[in-house]
Amino acid sequence: MLRKYFPDWEGRMDYQKKQEKIYRSGLDRIAEAKRARVKFKLTKREQDAFDYFNGQNFYKYYQSLETPPNIFDTRSSFLLKVEKNKNMRENFLKSYHRRKSEN
């Protein structure tokens, strides 16, 4: 239910969309390399996108449940944070409504 209706902010959604494009590009290149049976190495941007969706390296801290919601959260990690921690949910909703009323 939260996944469908809970509000999100544009900056986080834009960041995730950008990472999704790079991630899919990396998946396509991996599939091509497997078909051609050649060695393959991800670019830095592709590796960063893979880390983002797997919650590894740089993103491990930012996607942790103890860290407040931030731009580096995936939709899943963001929703887990606001579902599990009432204080984080209330703080996010206050700032979300404040930003929305400013626009």
N, C-alpha and C. Protein backbone atom coordinates (compact mmCIF):
# COMPACT_ATOMS: atom_id res chain seq x y z
N MET A 1 0.82 -1.19 0.00
CA MET A 1 0.00 0.00 0.00
C MET A 1 0.87 1.27 0.00
N LEU A 2 1.89 1.28 0.87
CA LEU A 2 2.78 2.44 0.91
C LEU A 2 3.45 2.67 -0.44
N ARG A 3 3.88 1.59 -1.07
CA ARG A 3 4.62 1.70 -2.33
C ARG A 3 3.82 2.48 -3.37
N LYS A 4 2.52 2.29 -3.38
CA LYS A 4 1.71 2.92 -4.41
C LYS A 4 1.32 4.36 -4.06
N TYR A 5 1.03 4.63 -2.80
CA TYR A 5 0.43 5.92 -2.44
C TYR A 5 1.30 6.87 -1.63
N PHE A 6 2.36 6.37 -1.01
CA PHE A 6 3.15 7.26 -0.16
C PHE A 6 3.90 8.26 -1.04
N PRO A 7 3.88 9.55 -0.67
CA PRO A 7 4.53 10.57 -1.51
C PRO A 7 6.04 10.41 -1.56
N ASP A 8 6.62 10.96 -2.57
CA ASP A 8 8.06 10.92 -2.75
C ASP A 8 8.48 12.28 -3.27
N TRP A 9 9.75 12.59 -3.22
CA TRP A 9 10.16 13.90 -3.73
C TRP A 9 10.91 13.75 -5.04
N GLU A 10 10.79 14.79 -5.85
CA GLU A 10 11.28 14.76 -7.24
C GLU A 10 12.76 14.46 -7.35
N GLY A 11 13.57 15.04 -6.47
CA GLY A 11 15.02 14.84 -6.55
C GLY A 11 15.40 13.38 -6.43
N ARG A 12 14.80 12.67 -5.47
CA ARG A 12 15.10 11.26 -5.28
C ARG A 12 14.62 10.43 -6.46
N MET A 13 13.42 10.75 -6.96
CA MET A 13 12.88 10.00 -8.10
C MET A 13 13.72 10.22 -9.36
N ASP A 14 14.15 11.46 -9.58
CA ASP A 14 14.99 11.76 -10.75
C ASP A 14 16.32 11.03 -10.68
N TYR A 15 16.91 11.01 -9.48
CA TYR A 15 18.18 10.32 -9.30
C TYR A 15 18.02 8.82 -9.59
N GLN A 16 16.94 8.23 -9.09
CA GLN A 16 16.71 6.81 -9.33
C GLN A 16 16.48 6.53 -10.81
N LYS A 17 15.73 7.38 -11.51
CA LYS A 17 15.49 7.18 -12.95
C LYS A 17 16.80 7.23 -13.72
N LYS A 18 17.67 8.18 -13.36
CA LYS A 18 18.97 8.29 -14.03
C LYS A 18 19.78 7.01 -13.80
N GLN A 19 19.78 6.53 -12.56
CA GLN A 19 20.53 5.32 -12.25
C GLN A 19 19.93 4.10 -12.95
N GLU A 20 18.61 4.06 -13.09
CA GLU A 20 17.95 2.94 -13.78
C GLU A 20 18.40 2.83 -15.23
N LYS A 21 18.49 3.97 -15.91
CA LYS A 21 18.93 3.96 -17.32
C LYS A 21 20.33 3.39 -17.44
N ILE A 22 21.21 3.84 -16.57
CA ILE A 22 22.60 3.37 -16.60
C ILE A 22 22.65 1.89 -16.24
N TYR A 23 21.86 1.48 -15.24
CA TYR A 23 21.82 0.09 -14.81
C TYR A 23 21.36 -0.83 -15.95
N ARG A 24 20.30 -0.43 -16.64
CA ARG A 24 19.80 -1.24 -17.76
C ARG A 24 20.81 -1.31 -18.89
N SER A 25 21.49 -0.21 -19.14
CA SER A 25 22.53 -0.20 -20.15
C SER A 25 23.63 -1.20 -19.79
N GLY A 26 24.01 -1.22 -18.52
CA GLY A 26 25.01 -2.18 -18.06
C GLY A 26 24.55 -3.61 -18.21
N LEU A 27 23.28 -3.87 -17.89
CA LEU A 27 22.74 -5.23 -18.05
C LEU A 27 22.76 -5.66 -19.51
N ASP A 28 22.41 -4.74 -20.41
CA ASP A 28 22.44 -5.04 -21.84
C ASP A 28 23.86 -5.36 -22.30
N ARG A 29 24.82 -4.57 -21.84
CA ARG A 29 26.22 -4.80 -22.23
C ARG A 29 26.74 -6.13 -21.68
N ILE A 30 26.32 -6.49 -20.48
CA ILE A 30 26.72 -7.78 -19.90
C ILE A 30 26.15 -8.92 -20.74
N ALA A 31 24.89 -8.81 -21.12
CA ALA A 31 24.25 -9.85 -21.93
C ALA A 31 24.95 -9.98 -23.28
N GLU A 32 25.30 -8.85 -23.91
CA GLU A 32 26.03 -8.89 -25.18
C GLU A 32 27.38 -9.57 -25.03
N ALA A 33 28.08 -9.24 -23.97
CA ALA A 33 29.40 -9.83 -23.73
C ALA A 33 29.30 -11.34 -23.52
N LYS A 34 28.27 -11.77 -22.83
CA LYS A 34 28.08 -13.21 -22.62
C LYS A 34 27.79 -13.92 -23.93
N ARG A 35 26.96 -13.29 -24.77
CA ARG A 35 26.65 -13.89 -26.08
C ARG A 35 27.91 -13.99 -26.94
N ALA A 36 28.71 -12.95 -26.90
CA ALA A 36 29.93 -12.91 -27.72
C ALA A 36 31.08 -13.66 -27.05
N ARG A 37 30.87 -14.08 -25.82
CA ARG A 37 31.89 -14.80 -25.04
C ARG A 37 33.20 -14.02 -24.96
N VAL A 38 33.07 -12.77 -24.58
CA VAL A 38 34.25 -11.93 -24.39
C VAL A 38 34.28 -11.43 -22.95
N LYS A 39 35.48 -11.05 -22.50
CA LYS A 39 35.61 -10.48 -21.17
C LYS A 39 34.96 -9.11 -21.17
N PHE A 40 34.43 -8.76 -20.02
CA PHE A 40 33.67 -7.52 -19.94
C PHE A 40 33.92 -6.84 -18.61
N LYS A 41 34.03 -5.53 -18.64
CA LYS A 41 34.17 -4.76 -17.40
C LYS A 41 33.20 -3.58 -17.45
N LEU A 42 32.49 -3.39 -16.36
CA LEU A 42 31.55 -2.27 -16.27
C LEU A 42 32.29 -0.94 -16.23
N THR A 43 31.67 0.10 -16.77
CA THR A 43 32.24 1.44 -16.64
C THR A 43 32.02 1.90 -15.19
N LYS A 44 32.66 2.99 -14.81
CA LYS A 44 32.49 3.50 -13.44
C LYS A 44 31.04 3.89 -13.18
N ARG A 45 30.40 4.50 -14.15
CA ARG A 45 28.99 4.90 -13.98
C ARG A 45 28.08 3.68 -13.86
N GLU A 46 28.34 2.65 -14.65
CA GLU A 46 27.53 1.43 -14.57
C GLU A 46 27.74 0.74 -13.22
N GLN A 47 29.00 0.67 -12.77
CA GLN A 47 29.28 0.05 -11.47
C GLN A 47 28.59 0.83 -10.35
N ASP A 48 28.59 2.16 -10.47
CA ASP A 48 27.92 3.00 -9.48
C ASP A 48 26.41 2.70 -9.45
N ALA A 49 25.81 2.52 -10.63
CA ALA A 49 24.38 2.20 -10.70
C ALA A 49 24.10 0.83 -10.09
N PHE A 50 24.97 -0.14 -10.35
CA PHE A 50 24.80 -1.47 -9.76
C PHE A 50 24.91 -1.38 -8.24
N ASP A 51 25.88 -0.60 -7.74
CA ASP A 51 26.03 -0.41 -6.30
C ASP A 51 24.79 0.25 -5.70
N TYR A 52 24.23 1.21 -6.42
CA TYR A 52 23.03 1.91 -5.95
C TYR A 52 21.88 0.94 -5.73
N PHE A 53 21.61 0.09 -6.70
CA PHE A 53 20.47 -0.82 -6.59
C PHE A 53 20.74 -2.01 -5.67
N ASN A 54 22.01 -2.30 -5.41
CA ASN A 54 22.35 -3.39 -4.49
C ASN A 54 22.70 -2.89 -3.10
N GLY A 55 22.71 -1.57 -2.90
CA GLY A 55 23.01 -1.00 -1.58
C GLY A 55 24.43 -1.30 -1.13
N GLN A 56 25.38 -1.19 -2.03
CA GLN A 56 26.78 -1.51 -1.70
C GLN A 56 27.66 -0.27 -1.77
N ASN A 57 28.87 -0.42 -1.22
CA ASN A 57 29.90 0.62 -1.23
C ASN A 57 29.36 1.95 -0.70
N PHE A 58 29.46 3.01 -1.48
CA PHE A 58 29.03 4.35 -1.06
C PHE A 58 27.59 4.37 -0.57
N TYR A 59 26.72 3.62 -1.21
CA TYR A 59 25.29 3.67 -0.92
C TYR A 59 24.90 2.87 0.33
N LYS A 60 25.78 2.03 0.82
CA LYS A 60 25.46 1.19 1.97
C LYS A 60 25.05 2.04 3.18
N TYR A 61 25.81 3.08 3.46
CA TYR A 61 25.50 3.97 4.59
C TYR A 61 24.18 4.71 4.36
N TYR A 62 24.01 5.28 3.19
CA TYR A 62 22.85 6.12 2.92
C TYR A 62 21.55 5.33 2.83
N GLN A 63 21.62 4.05 2.49
CA GLN A 63 20.41 3.24 2.40
C GLN A 63 20.16 2.43 3.68
N SER A 64 21.01 2.63 4.68
CA SER A 64 20.84 1.97 5.97
C SER A 64 19.55 2.47 6.63
N LEU A 65 18.89 1.61 7.38
CA LEU A 65 17.63 1.99 8.03
C LEU A 65 17.82 3.05 9.11
N GLU A 66 19.05 3.21 9.62
CA GLU A 66 19.32 4.20 10.67
C GLU A 66 19.52 5.60 10.10
N THR A 67 19.81 5.70 8.81
CA THR A 67 20.06 6.99 8.17
C THR A 67 18.73 7.60 7.72
N PRO A 68 18.51 8.89 7.99
CA PRO A 68 17.26 9.52 7.54
C PRO A 68 17.09 9.43 6.02
N PRO A 69 15.86 9.50 5.53
CA PRO A 69 15.62 9.45 4.08
C PRO A 69 16.46 10.51 3.36
N ASN A 70 17.01 10.12 2.22
CA ASN A 70 17.88 11.01 1.46
C ASN A 70 17.80 10.67 -0.02
N ILE A 71 18.47 11.48 -0.83
CA ILE A 71 18.40 11.32 -2.29
C ILE A 71 18.99 9.99 -2.77
N PHE A 72 19.87 9.38 -1.99
CA PHE A 72 20.52 8.15 -2.41
C PHE A 72 19.72 6.89 -2.07
N ASP A 73 18.54 7.05 -1.51
CA ASP A 73 17.67 5.90 -1.23
C ASP A 73 17.03 5.41 -2.52
N THR A 74 16.87 4.09 -2.61
CA THR A 74 16.00 3.55 -3.65
C THR A 74 14.57 3.69 -3.11
N ARG A 75 13.59 3.50 -3.95
CA ARG A 75 12.20 3.59 -3.48
C ARG A 75 11.98 2.59 -2.34
N SER A 76 12.54 1.40 -2.47
CA SER A 76 12.36 0.36 -1.45
C SER A 76 12.99 0.75 -0.13
N SER A 77 14.25 1.21 -0.15
CA SER A 77 14.91 1.58 1.11
C SER A 77 14.22 2.79 1.74
N PHE A 78 13.77 3.71 0.91
CA PHE A 78 13.05 4.88 1.41
C PHE A 78 11.77 4.46 2.13
N LEU A 79 10.99 3.58 1.50
CA LEU A 79 9.72 3.15 2.11
C LEU A 79 9.95 2.34 3.38
N LEU A 80 11.00 1.53 3.40
CA LEU A 80 11.32 0.78 4.62
C LEU A 80 11.62 1.72 5.77
N LYS A 81 12.37 2.77 5.49
CA LYS A 81 12.73 3.73 6.54
C LYS A 81 11.49 4.40 7.12
N VAL A 82 10.62 4.89 6.26
CA VAL A 82 9.45 5.62 6.76
C VAL A 82 8.39 4.69 7.35
N GLU A 83 8.42 3.43 6.96
CA GLU A 83 7.48 2.47 7.54
C GLU A 83 7.93 2.06 8.94
N LYS A 84 9.22 1.80 9.10
CA LYS A 84 9.75 1.28 10.36
C LYS A 84 9.94 2.35 11.43
N ASN A 85 10.19 3.59 11.02
CA ASN A 85 10.53 4.63 11.98
C ASN A 85 9.52 5.78 11.89
N LYS A 86 8.67 5.87 12.89
CA LYS A 86 7.60 6.88 12.89
C LYS A 86 8.18 8.30 12.86
N ASN A 87 9.26 8.52 13.58
CA ASN A 87 9.89 9.84 13.63
C ASN A 87 10.39 10.26 12.24
N MET A 88 11.04 9.34 11.52
CA MET A 88 11.50 9.65 10.16
C MET A 88 10.33 9.95 9.24
N ARG A 89 9.25 9.18 9.39
CA ARG A 89 8.07 9.39 8.55
C ARG A 89 7.48 10.79 8.79
N GLU A 90 7.33 11.15 10.06
CA GLU A 90 6.76 12.47 10.38
C GLU A 90 7.66 13.60 9.89
N ASN A 91 8.96 13.47 10.09
CA ASN A 91 9.89 14.50 9.62
C ASN A 91 9.85 14.63 8.10
N PHE A 92 9.81 13.49 7.41
CA PHE A 92 9.75 13.54 5.95
C PHE A 92 8.46 14.23 5.49
N LEU A 93 7.33 13.84 6.07
CA LEU A 93 6.05 14.41 5.65
C LEU A 93 6.00 15.92 5.91
N LYS A 94 6.56 16.37 7.02
CA LYS A 94 6.61 17.81 7.30
C LYS A 94 7.40 18.54 6.22
N SER A 95 8.59 18.02 5.92
CA SER A 95 9.42 18.69 4.91
C SER A 95 8.80 18.57 3.52
N TYR A 96 8.15 17.45 3.24
CA TYR A 96 7.50 17.26 1.95
C TYR A 96 6.38 18.29 1.76
N HIS A 97 5.54 18.44 2.76
CA HIS A 97 4.43 19.39 2.66
C HIS A 97 4.94 20.83 2.63
N ARG A 98 6.01 21.11 3.36
CA ARG A 98 6.59 22.45 3.34
C ARG A 98 7.11 22.78 1.93
N ARG A 99 7.84 21.83 1.31
CA ARG A 99 8.36 22.05 -0.05
C ARG A 99 7.22 22.19 -1.05
N LYS A 100 6.19 21.39 -0.87
CA LYS A 100 5.05 21.43 -1.79
C LYS A 100 4.32 22.77 -1.70
N SER A 101 4.18 23.30 -0.48
CA SER A 101 3.48 24.58 -0.31
C SER A 101 4.32 25.75 -0.83
N GLU A 102 5.65 25.61 -0.85
CA GLU A 102 6.52 26.66 -1.37
C GLU A 102 6.41 26.79 -2.88
N ASN A 103 6.08 25.70 -3.55
CA ASN A 103 6.00 25.72 -5.03
C ASN A 103 4.69 26.17 -5.50
